[in-house]
Amino acid sequence: MKIQRYTAASMRVALAQIRAEQGPDAVILSSRRIDEGIEVVAAVDYDESLMPEAMRPRAPVPARPAPGRPADPLSADPLPVDPSPVANPPADARPEDVRADTPAEQEAWDGQARTARRAEDDSDYGLMRREIKDVRRLLENELAGLTWNDKRMREPLKVRVLEDLTALDMAPDVARALAELTPRSTELDTPAKIPLALLFRQLPVVNDKTCVSGGIMAVVGPTGVGKTTTIAKLAAQWSMQHGSDELALVSTDGYRIGAREQLHTYARILGAPMYSANDGPELAQVLDRLTTKKLVLIDTAGMGPRDARLAEQLSALQSGAARARVLLALPAHGEGNALDEIVGAFAKFSPAACILTKVDEAASLGAALSTAIRHRLPIAFLCNGQRVPEDLHDARQNKNWLVQLALRLKEGASPRHDETYMAHHFGRGQAHV
């Protein structure tokens, strides 16, 4: 039996020392109050036959003498020793089973016991929640797989549409919405044409010529999507059809180095005037001077969706060019979530349509087409290169080419989505109904 004495300011502190040094199996043999606080005798490997030796009282601790008085070793008033040991609870007992010898110490110890019990309960509850979540996820995956296999047998044509649209990298929500439009019967000579036919029919494009028939047009969008080059293509295309006398270019991009110089170079080549405006009032003044021009193209500064200056640009356009028709430039090679964020951020500009830029750099068009369909944002123009104006195309006239290009881009690529992906996205929803 290993016996040790502990001196502490309180019973709570002493018990903490005992548990830290001797562990939960320690036995409290005695306790007494001393000037320093409290003295506790504890032991491990408790043996009752050794108790008489363990309980032999130690010499009393002398009290602190008063100033000017000699210390009197017999004046100390030790607490009487309780000869009966206080057995420590077994290792699996709860903390509240340990009792202190004063109400204050007991209250403190009970508080610690309650905290420990709550922590234990929270730990057990958290473990149980994680286990339930794992079981639920496993059941959902299994049920989604069964539902998807059942759907494959009951609705093979709809499944074919989902598979083909997914192969084009169309977003799951858009693919599901298009698949719901699958006809029960078709006049097409092969079912393989149904997915492309649905995509062609639901892809929004500008069906009028108002984008190129004149007025004030502003192109907005994030940095690096090719807005200035697109403005140059639109201006060059107009000049080829109507001449440059009734054309003017305006730049509000005062942030990017060389942006205005680049647009000025295009304007000089086309023989059209070019103006600059730094804010809404300046833009309004410039447009007042251009009322005789049939087409005014405004090049804006490129800003990311989370750029704080985006609100300034919106205010400048609203106050200086309230009548402008806004086109949003979207990179065709963008990732789905990024394109959604761009559309959401620039929705405050109320864009009438979008321009898909960098089509030639896209490895897949699924994300861009999904974004246009999801937000019902018509596509006005397609840009597939740097040539001015050869690489600018009317989306309405090239809608079929765009859909076929989406197909060609995926024909040579390795499949990215397996049966697990299909079951997760197209079987899980029905599994929860």
Protein backbone atom coordinates (compact mmCIF):
# COMPACT_ATOMS: atom_id res chain seq x y z
CA MET A 1 0.00 0.00 0.00
CA LYS A 2 1.43 3.37 -1.08
CA ILE A 3 0.51 6.15 1.34
CA GLN A 4 1.02 9.84 0.70
CA ARG A 5 0.09 13.04 2.49
CA TYR A 6 -1.22 16.08 0.63
CA THR A 7 -1.42 19.66 1.83
CA ALA A 8 -3.69 22.02 -0.06
CA ALA A 9 -5.70 25.17 0.38
CA SER A 10 -9.00 23.28 0.15
CA MET A 11 -10.43 19.80 -0.12
CA ARG A 12 -11.24 20.38 -3.78
CA VAL A 13 -7.61 21.15 -4.58
CA ALA A 14 -6.43 18.21 -2.51
CA LEU A 15 -8.77 15.81 -4.30
CA ALA A 16 -7.54 17.09 -7.64
CA GLN A 17 -3.93 16.44 -6.59
CA ILE A 18 -4.79 12.96 -5.39
CA ARG A 19 -6.55 12.04 -8.61
CA ALA A 20 -3.69 13.46 -10.69
CA GLU A 21 -0.94 11.61 -8.81
CA GLN A 22 -2.58 8.40 -7.55
CA GLY A 23 -5.44 7.95 -9.99
CA PRO A 24 -9.13 7.19 -9.50
CA ASP A 25 -8.44 4.11 -7.33
CA ALA A 26 -6.91 6.13 -4.48
CA VAL A 27 -8.41 5.72 -0.97
CA ILE A 28 -8.76 8.76 1.34
CA LEU A 29 -7.59 7.62 4.79
CA SER A 30 -7.96 10.83 6.78
CA SER A 31 -8.16 14.57 6.62
CA ARG A 32 -7.56 17.40 9.06
CA ARG A 33 -7.47 21.18 9.02
CA ILE A 34 -4.11 22.90 9.37
CA ASP A 35 -2.92 26.47 9.13
CA GLU A 36 -1.98 26.02 5.46
CA GLY A 37 -5.47 24.77 4.69
CA ILE A 38 -6.14 21.03 4.88
CA GLU A 39 -4.04 17.89 5.08
CA VAL A 40 -5.30 14.69 3.44
CA VAL A 41 -3.79 11.22 3.70
CA ALA A 42 -4.51 9.00 0.71
CA ALA A 43 -3.31 5.63 -0.45
CA VAL A 44 -3.43 3.24 -3.34
CA ASP A 45 -3.40 -0.56 -3.20
CA TYR A 46 -5.47 -0.29 -0.01
CA ASP A 47 -4.77 -3.01 2.59
CA GLU A 48 -6.88 -2.91 5.77
CA SER A 49 -4.22 -4.80 7.76
CA LEU A 50 -1.86 -1.88 7.33
CA MET A 51 -4.36 0.66 8.59
CA PRO A 52 -3.02 0.97 12.18
CA GLU A 53 0.38 2.02 10.87
CA ALA A 54 -1.15 4.37 8.30
CA MET A 55 -3.41 5.99 10.89
CA ARG A 56 -0.61 6.72 13.39
CA PRO A 57 -0.83 10.50 13.98
CA ARG A 58 2.02 12.65 12.84
CA ALA A 59 3.54 15.34 15.07
CA PRO A 60 1.26 18.36 15.10
CA VAL A 61 2.16 21.28 12.94
CA PRO A 62 2.97 24.32 15.11
CA ALA A 63 0.74 27.34 14.74
CA ARG A 64 2.14 30.67 13.58
CA PRO A 65 3.13 32.66 16.65
CA ALA A 66 1.65 36.09 17.19
CA PRO A 67 4.03 39.02 16.83
CA GLY A 68 6.18 39.31 19.93
CA ARG A 69 5.15 35.90 21.33
CA PRO A 70 7.23 32.71 21.19
CA ALA A 71 5.88 29.80 19.28
CA ASP A 72 4.05 27.31 21.45
CA PRO A 73 4.12 23.84 19.91
CA LEU A 74 1.26 22.73 22.18
CA SER A 75 -1.05 25.55 21.14
CA ALA A 76 -1.94 24.00 17.79
CA ASP A 77 -5.47 22.69 17.69
CA PRO A 78 -5.46 19.93 15.07
CA LEU A 79 -8.65 18.43 13.80
CA PRO A 80 -9.40 15.07 15.36
CA VAL A 81 -8.34 12.20 13.19
CA ASP A 82 -11.17 10.05 11.91
CA PRO A 83 -9.92 6.49 12.35
CA SER A 84 -12.39 5.08 9.87
CA PRO A 85 -11.13 5.38 6.28
CA VAL A 86 -13.29 7.03 3.66
CA ALA A 87 -13.28 4.49 0.87
CA ASN A 88 -12.76 5.95 -2.57
CA PRO A 89 -15.36 4.89 -5.14
CA PRO A 90 -14.41 2.31 -7.77
CA ALA A 91 -12.99 3.50 -11.07
CA ASP A 92 -16.37 3.41 -12.80
CA ALA A 93 -18.13 5.48 -10.11
CA ARG A 94 -19.37 8.98 -10.88
CA PRO A 95 -17.50 12.01 -9.48
CA GLU A 96 -20.39 13.01 -7.24
CA ASP A 97 -19.81 9.88 -5.15
CA VAL A 98 -16.75 11.55 -3.59
CA ARG A 99 -17.75 13.64 -0.56
CA ALA A 100 -15.92 16.68 0.86
CA ASP A 101 -15.97 17.55 4.54
CA THR A 102 -17.31 21.14 4.40
CA PRO A 103 -20.41 22.53 2.66
CA ALA A 104 -18.39 25.01 0.57
CA GLU A 105 -15.92 22.38 -0.59
CA GLN A 106 -18.74 19.94 -1.25
CA GLU A 107 -20.58 22.53 -3.34
CA ALA A 108 -17.45 23.19 -5.39
CA TRP A 109 -16.85 19.47 -5.87
CA ASP A 110 -20.52 18.90 -6.83
CA GLY A 111 -20.16 21.66 -9.46
CA GLN A 112 -17.15 19.89 -10.92
CA ALA A 113 -19.07 16.63 -10.86
CA ARG A 114 -21.99 18.17 -12.74
CA THR A 115 -19.64 19.65 -15.34
CA ALA A 116 -17.88 16.31 -15.78
CA ARG A 117 -21.22 14.54 -16.07
CA ARG A 118 -22.44 17.00 -18.72
CA ALA A 119 -19.20 16.62 -20.65
CA GLU A 120 -19.55 12.85 -20.48
CA ASP A 121 -23.17 13.04 -21.57
CA ASP A 122 -22.31 15.47 -24.39
CA SER A 123 -19.49 13.20 -25.52
CA ASP A 124 -21.78 10.17 -25.57
CA TYR A 125 -24.52 12.16 -27.30
CA GLY A 126 -22.12 13.47 -29.94
CA LEU A 127 -20.80 9.96 -30.59
CA MET A 128 -24.35 8.65 -30.90
CA ARG A 129 -25.28 11.45 -33.33
CA ARG A 130 -22.26 10.70 -35.50
CA GLU A 131 -23.09 7.02 -35.56
CA ILE A 132 -26.71 7.74 -36.47
CA LYS A 133 -25.58 10.14 -39.21
CA ASP A 134 -23.24 7.50 -40.64
CA VAL A 135 -26.00 4.90 -40.62
CA ARG A 136 -28.42 7.36 -42.23
CA ARG A 137 -25.92 8.25 -44.94
CA LEU A 138 -25.34 4.57 -45.65
CA LEU A 139 -29.08 3.89 -45.88
CA GLU A 140 -29.63 6.94 -48.10
CA ASN A 141 -26.91 5.82 -50.49
CA GLU A 142 -28.30 2.31 -50.64
CA LEU A 143 -31.85 3.56 -51.13
CA ALA A 144 -30.72 6.07 -53.79
CA GLY A 145 -28.99 3.25 -55.68
CA LEU A 146 -32.11 1.10 -55.56
CA THR A 147 -34.27 4.03 -56.68
CA TRP A 148 -31.94 4.84 -59.57
CA ASN A 149 -31.93 1.20 -60.75
CA ASP A 150 -35.71 1.12 -60.52
CA LYS A 151 -35.90 4.36 -62.53
CA ARG A 152 -33.61 2.87 -65.16
CA MET A 153 -36.05 0.01 -65.68
CA ARG A 154 -39.27 2.05 -65.56
CA GLU A 155 -38.17 5.18 -67.48
CA PRO A 156 -35.30 4.21 -69.77
CA LEU A 157 -35.77 7.20 -72.09
CA LYS A 158 -35.62 9.72 -69.24
CA VAL A 159 -32.56 7.95 -67.84
CA ARG A 160 -30.93 8.20 -71.25
CA VAL A 161 -31.54 11.95 -71.25
CA LEU A 162 -30.05 12.30 -67.76
CA GLU A 163 -26.99 10.29 -68.72
CA ASP A 164 -26.34 12.20 -71.95
CA LEU A 165 -26.85 15.62 -70.38
CA THR A 166 -24.61 14.66 -67.46
CA ALA A 167 -21.96 13.58 -69.96
CA LEU A 168 -22.06 17.16 -71.30
CA ASP A 169 -21.29 18.38 -67.75
CA MET A 170 -24.73 19.91 -67.36
CA ALA A 171 -25.50 20.70 -63.72
CA PRO A 172 -27.68 18.06 -61.98
CA ASP A 173 -30.57 20.45 -61.30
CA VAL A 174 -30.66 21.60 -64.92
CA ALA A 175 -30.32 18.06 -66.27
CA ARG A 176 -33.17 16.94 -64.02
CA ALA A 177 -35.40 19.81 -65.16
CA LEU A 178 -34.73 19.05 -68.82
CA ALA A 179 -35.29 15.33 -68.31
CA GLU A 180 -38.73 16.05 -66.88
CA LEU A 181 -39.62 17.42 -70.33
CA THR A 182 -38.80 14.12 -72.02
CA PRO A 183 -41.76 13.16 -74.24
CA ARG A 184 -43.40 9.78 -73.85
CA SER A 185 -43.13 9.28 -77.58
CA THR A 186 -40.93 11.00 -80.14
CA GLU A 187 -40.82 11.53 -83.88
CA LEU A 188 -37.01 11.65 -83.89
CA ASP A 189 -35.36 8.84 -85.78
CA THR A 190 -33.11 8.01 -82.82
CA PRO A 191 -33.52 8.52 -79.05
CA ALA A 192 -29.93 9.83 -78.91
CA LYS A 193 -31.14 13.11 -80.39
CA ILE A 194 -33.65 13.78 -77.60
CA PRO A 195 -31.15 15.23 -75.05
CA LEU A 196 -29.70 17.66 -77.60
CA ALA A 197 -33.18 18.57 -78.81
CA LEU A 198 -34.27 19.38 -75.24
CA LEU A 199 -31.12 21.41 -74.65
CA PHE A 200 -31.57 23.31 -77.92
CA ARG A 201 -35.19 24.11 -77.11
CA GLN A 202 -34.57 25.30 -73.56
CA LEU A 203 -31.35 27.26 -74.14
CA PRO A 204 -32.32 30.96 -74.01
CA VAL A 205 -30.95 33.26 -76.71
CA VAL A 206 -31.77 36.79 -77.80
CA ASN A 207 -34.42 36.54 -80.49
CA ASP A 208 -34.36 40.15 -81.63
CA LYS A 209 -31.85 42.56 -83.07
CA THR A 210 -32.11 45.24 -80.42
CA CYS A 211 -28.59 44.44 -79.21
CA VAL A 212 -27.09 45.65 -82.48
CA SER A 213 -29.72 48.02 -83.77
CA GLY A 214 -28.47 51.03 -81.86
CA GLY A 215 -28.91 52.84 -78.56
CA ILE A 216 -26.61 52.80 -75.53
CA MET A 217 -25.04 49.47 -74.61
CA ALA A 218 -22.82 48.76 -71.58
CA VAL A 219 -20.79 45.57 -71.15
CA VAL A 220 -20.13 44.55 -67.53
CA GLY A 221 -18.44 41.55 -65.98
CA PRO A 222 -15.51 40.31 -63.90
CA THR A 223 -11.86 40.95 -64.61
CA GLY A 224 -10.25 39.10 -67.49
CA VAL A 225 -13.33 37.96 -69.40
CA GLY A 226 -12.51 40.04 -72.50
CA LYS A 227 -14.95 42.95 -72.18
CA THR A 228 -12.74 45.49 -74.02
CA THR A 229 -12.08 43.11 -76.91
CA THR A 230 -15.79 42.32 -77.08
CA ILE A 231 -16.58 46.06 -77.23
CA ALA A 232 -14.11 46.37 -80.12
CA LYS A 233 -15.77 43.46 -81.94
CA LEU A 234 -19.22 44.98 -81.52
CA ALA A 235 -17.94 48.35 -82.73
CA ALA A 236 -16.17 46.85 -85.73
CA GLN A 237 -19.22 44.81 -86.71
CA TRP A 238 -21.41 47.94 -86.53
CA SER A 239 -18.90 49.95 -88.58
CA MET A 240 -18.87 47.30 -91.31
CA GLN A 241 -22.66 47.53 -91.62
CA HIS A 242 -23.40 51.19 -90.86
CA GLY A 243 -20.09 53.06 -90.90
CA SER A 244 -18.39 54.72 -87.94
CA ASP A 245 -19.88 58.23 -88.19
CA GLU A 246 -22.75 57.41 -85.84
CA LEU A 247 -20.68 55.30 -83.46
CA ALA A 248 -18.95 56.33 -80.21
CA LEU A 249 -17.00 54.47 -77.54
CA VAL A 250 -16.90 55.35 -73.85
CA SER A 251 -14.62 53.91 -71.16
CA THR A 252 -15.37 54.03 -67.44
CA ASP A 253 -12.39 51.78 -66.59
CA GLY A 254 -10.04 53.97 -64.60
CA TYR A 255 -8.57 51.08 -62.61
CA ARG A 256 -6.79 48.83 -65.08
CA ILE A 257 -3.54 50.15 -66.49
CA GLY A 258 -3.76 50.54 -70.25
CA ALA A 259 -7.50 49.78 -70.46
CA ARG A 260 -8.42 53.16 -71.96
CA GLU A 261 -5.37 53.14 -74.20
CA GLN A 262 -6.44 49.77 -75.61
CA LEU A 263 -9.97 51.00 -76.35
CA HIS A 264 -8.58 54.24 -77.79
CA THR A 265 -6.45 52.20 -80.20
CA TYR A 266 -9.52 50.32 -81.43
CA ALA A 267 -11.46 53.58 -81.77
CA ARG A 268 -8.69 55.16 -83.81
CA ILE A 269 -8.55 52.16 -86.15
CA LEU A 270 -12.33 52.30 -86.64
CA GLY A 271 -12.36 56.07 -87.03
CA ALA A 272 -14.81 56.53 -84.13
CA PRO A 273 -14.52 58.97 -81.20
CA MET A 274 -13.64 57.64 -77.76
CA TYR A 275 -14.46 59.32 -74.42
CA SER A 276 -13.62 58.66 -70.76
CA ALA A 277 -15.74 59.04 -67.62
CA ASN A 278 -14.71 58.42 -64.04
CA ASP A 279 -18.09 58.55 -62.31
CA GLY A 280 -21.82 58.90 -62.84
CA PRO A 281 -21.95 62.68 -63.39
CA GLU A 282 -19.10 62.58 -65.91
CA LEU A 283 -20.76 59.69 -67.72
CA ALA A 284 -24.04 61.61 -67.91
CA GLN A 285 -22.23 64.63 -69.36
CA VAL A 286 -20.48 62.49 -71.98
CA LEU A 287 -23.72 60.83 -73.05
CA ASP A 288 -25.41 64.22 -73.34
CA ARG A 289 -22.81 65.13 -75.93
CA LEU A 290 -23.45 61.91 -77.85
CA THR A 291 -27.20 62.14 -78.35
CA THR A 292 -26.71 62.29 -82.13
CA LYS A 293 -24.88 58.94 -82.19
CA LYS A 294 -26.96 55.90 -83.05
CA LEU A 295 -24.79 53.47 -81.10
CA VAL A 296 -22.77 54.19 -77.96
CA LEU A 297 -20.77 51.34 -76.46
CA ILE A 298 -19.65 51.65 -72.81
CA ASP A 299 -16.66 49.63 -71.60
CA THR A 300 -16.71 49.20 -67.80
CA ALA A 301 -14.05 48.19 -65.30
CA GLY A 302 -13.68 44.51 -64.60
CA MET A 303 -14.46 43.62 -60.99
CA GLY A 304 -14.85 40.37 -59.12
CA PRO A 305 -18.19 39.37 -57.61
CA ARG A 306 -16.97 40.26 -54.10
CA ASP A 307 -15.25 43.51 -55.05
CA ALA A 308 -16.49 46.36 -52.82
CA ARG A 309 -16.20 48.78 -55.75
CA LEU A 310 -18.92 46.94 -57.62
CA ALA A 311 -21.54 49.10 -55.92
CA GLU A 312 -19.74 52.24 -57.14
CA GLN A 313 -19.83 50.99 -60.72
CA LEU A 314 -23.52 50.17 -60.42
CA SER A 315 -24.24 53.64 -59.06
CA ALA A 316 -22.28 55.26 -61.89
CA LEU A 317 -24.23 53.38 -64.55
CA GLN A 318 -27.60 53.96 -62.89
CA SER A 319 -27.04 57.70 -62.48
CA GLY A 320 -25.09 58.34 -65.66
CA ALA A 321 -26.54 55.86 -68.13
CA ALA A 322 -29.96 54.84 -66.88
CA ARG A 323 -31.13 54.09 -70.43
CA ALA A 324 -28.22 51.76 -71.21
CA ARG A 325 -28.87 48.17 -72.22
CA VAL A 326 -26.55 46.06 -70.06
CA LEU A 327 -24.86 42.90 -71.33
CA LEU A 328 -23.03 40.59 -68.90
CA ALA A 329 -19.80 39.01 -70.15
CA LEU A 330 -19.45 35.41 -68.92
CA PRO A 331 -16.37 33.22 -69.52
CA ALA A 332 -17.53 30.04 -71.25
CA HIS A 333 -14.73 28.05 -69.61
CA GLY A 334 -15.79 29.08 -66.08
CA GLU A 335 -16.67 26.64 -63.32
CA GLY A 336 -20.34 26.30 -62.39
CA ASN A 337 -20.27 27.79 -58.90
CA ALA A 338 -18.09 30.68 -60.07
CA LEU A 339 -20.48 31.48 -62.92
CA ASP A 340 -23.45 31.39 -60.54
CA GLU A 341 -21.65 33.81 -58.24
CA ILE A 342 -20.93 36.18 -61.15
CA VAL A 343 -24.56 36.18 -62.28
CA GLY A 344 -25.74 36.74 -58.72
CA ALA A 345 -23.36 39.64 -58.12
CA PHE A 346 -24.15 41.41 -61.40
CA ALA A 347 -27.89 40.79 -61.17
CA LYS A 348 -28.14 44.28 -59.62
CA PHE A 349 -27.25 45.68 -63.05
CA SER A 350 -30.36 43.95 -64.50
CA PRO A 351 -28.53 42.56 -67.54
CA ALA A 352 -30.76 42.07 -70.56
CA ALA A 353 -28.57 39.25 -71.89
CA CYS A 354 -25.11 37.76 -71.64
CA ILE A 355 -22.14 37.34 -73.93
CA LEU A 356 -20.27 34.03 -73.73
CA THR A 357 -16.59 34.87 -74.11
CA LYS A 358 -13.57 32.58 -74.52
CA VAL A 359 -15.64 29.79 -76.03
CA ASP A 360 -12.49 28.61 -77.79
CA GLU A 361 -10.78 28.08 -74.40
CA ALA A 362 -13.53 25.93 -72.89
CA ALA A 363 -12.96 22.21 -72.33
CA SER A 364 -16.66 21.87 -71.56
CA LEU A 365 -19.69 24.12 -72.08
CA GLY A 366 -21.95 22.36 -69.60
CA ALA A 367 -21.45 24.85 -66.77
CA ALA A 368 -22.00 27.92 -68.98
CA LEU A 369 -25.12 26.51 -70.63
CA SER A 370 -26.48 25.37 -67.26
CA THR A 371 -25.99 28.88 -65.87
CA ALA A 372 -27.86 30.47 -68.77
CA ILE A 373 -30.77 28.01 -68.41
CA ARG A 374 -30.93 28.17 -64.60
CA HIS A 375 -31.04 31.97 -64.49
CA ARG A 376 -33.05 32.34 -67.72
CA LEU A 377 -30.33 34.68 -68.96
CA PRO A 378 -30.50 34.91 -72.77
CA ILE A 379 -27.25 34.60 -74.71
CA ALA A 380 -26.73 37.46 -77.18
CA PHE A 381 -23.27 36.81 -78.62
CA LEU A 382 -20.55 34.18 -78.69
CA CYS A 383 -16.84 35.03 -78.74
CA ASN A 384 -14.46 32.27 -79.76
CA GLY A 385 -11.16 34.04 -80.42
CA GLN A 386 -9.24 37.33 -80.45
CA ARG A 387 -9.89 38.36 -84.04
CA VAL A 388 -11.86 41.59 -84.48
CA PRO A 389 -14.65 41.27 -85.55
CA GLU A 390 -14.49 37.76 -87.07
CA ASP A 391 -14.70 35.96 -83.73
CA LEU A 392 -17.99 37.58 -82.64
CA HIS A 393 -21.12 35.56 -83.52
CA ASP A 394 -24.83 36.12 -83.10
CA ALA A 395 -26.11 33.50 -80.63
CA ARG A 396 -29.54 33.22 -82.24
CA GLN A 397 -28.03 32.29 -85.59
CA ASN A 398 -25.45 29.96 -84.05
CA LYS A 399 -27.53 28.25 -81.41
CA ASN A 400 -27.32 24.83 -83.05
CA TRP A 401 -23.57 25.25 -83.55
CA LEU A 402 -23.19 25.98 -79.82
CA VAL A 403 -25.10 22.84 -78.81
CA GLN A 404 -23.17 20.69 -81.25
CA LEU A 405 -19.90 22.16 -79.97
CA ALA A 406 -20.86 21.17 -76.42
CA LEU A 407 -21.33 17.61 -77.70
CA ARG A 408 -18.05 17.54 -79.63
CA LEU A 409 -16.06 18.78 -76.66
CA LYS A 410 -17.20 15.79 -74.58
CA GLU A 411 -17.00 13.07 -77.24
CA GLY A 412 -13.28 12.55 -76.85
CA ALA A 413 -13.11 13.13 -73.11
CA SER A 414 -13.07 10.37 -70.51
CA PRO A 415 -16.34 9.87 -68.60
CA ARG A 416 -16.32 11.87 -65.37
CA HIS A 417 -19.49 10.52 -63.78
CA ASP A 418 -20.15 6.93 -62.75
CA GLU A 419 -23.23 5.10 -61.47
CA THR A 420 -22.57 6.30 -57.93
CA TYR A 421 -22.75 9.92 -59.11
CA MET A 422 -25.95 9.26 -61.06
CA ALA A 423 -27.61 7.50 -58.12
CA HIS A 424 -26.55 10.24 -55.71
CA HIS A 425 -27.96 13.09 -57.81
CA PHE A 426 -30.92 11.46 -59.56
CA GLY A 427 -31.96 8.66 -57.22
CA ARG A 428 -31.66 10.43 -53.86
CA GLY A 429 -34.46 12.92 -54.49
CA GLN A 430 -37.03 10.24 -55.19
CA ALA A 431 -35.74 8.23 -52.25
CA HIS A 432 -36.84 10.99 -49.86
CA VAL A 433 -40.33 11.41 -51.29
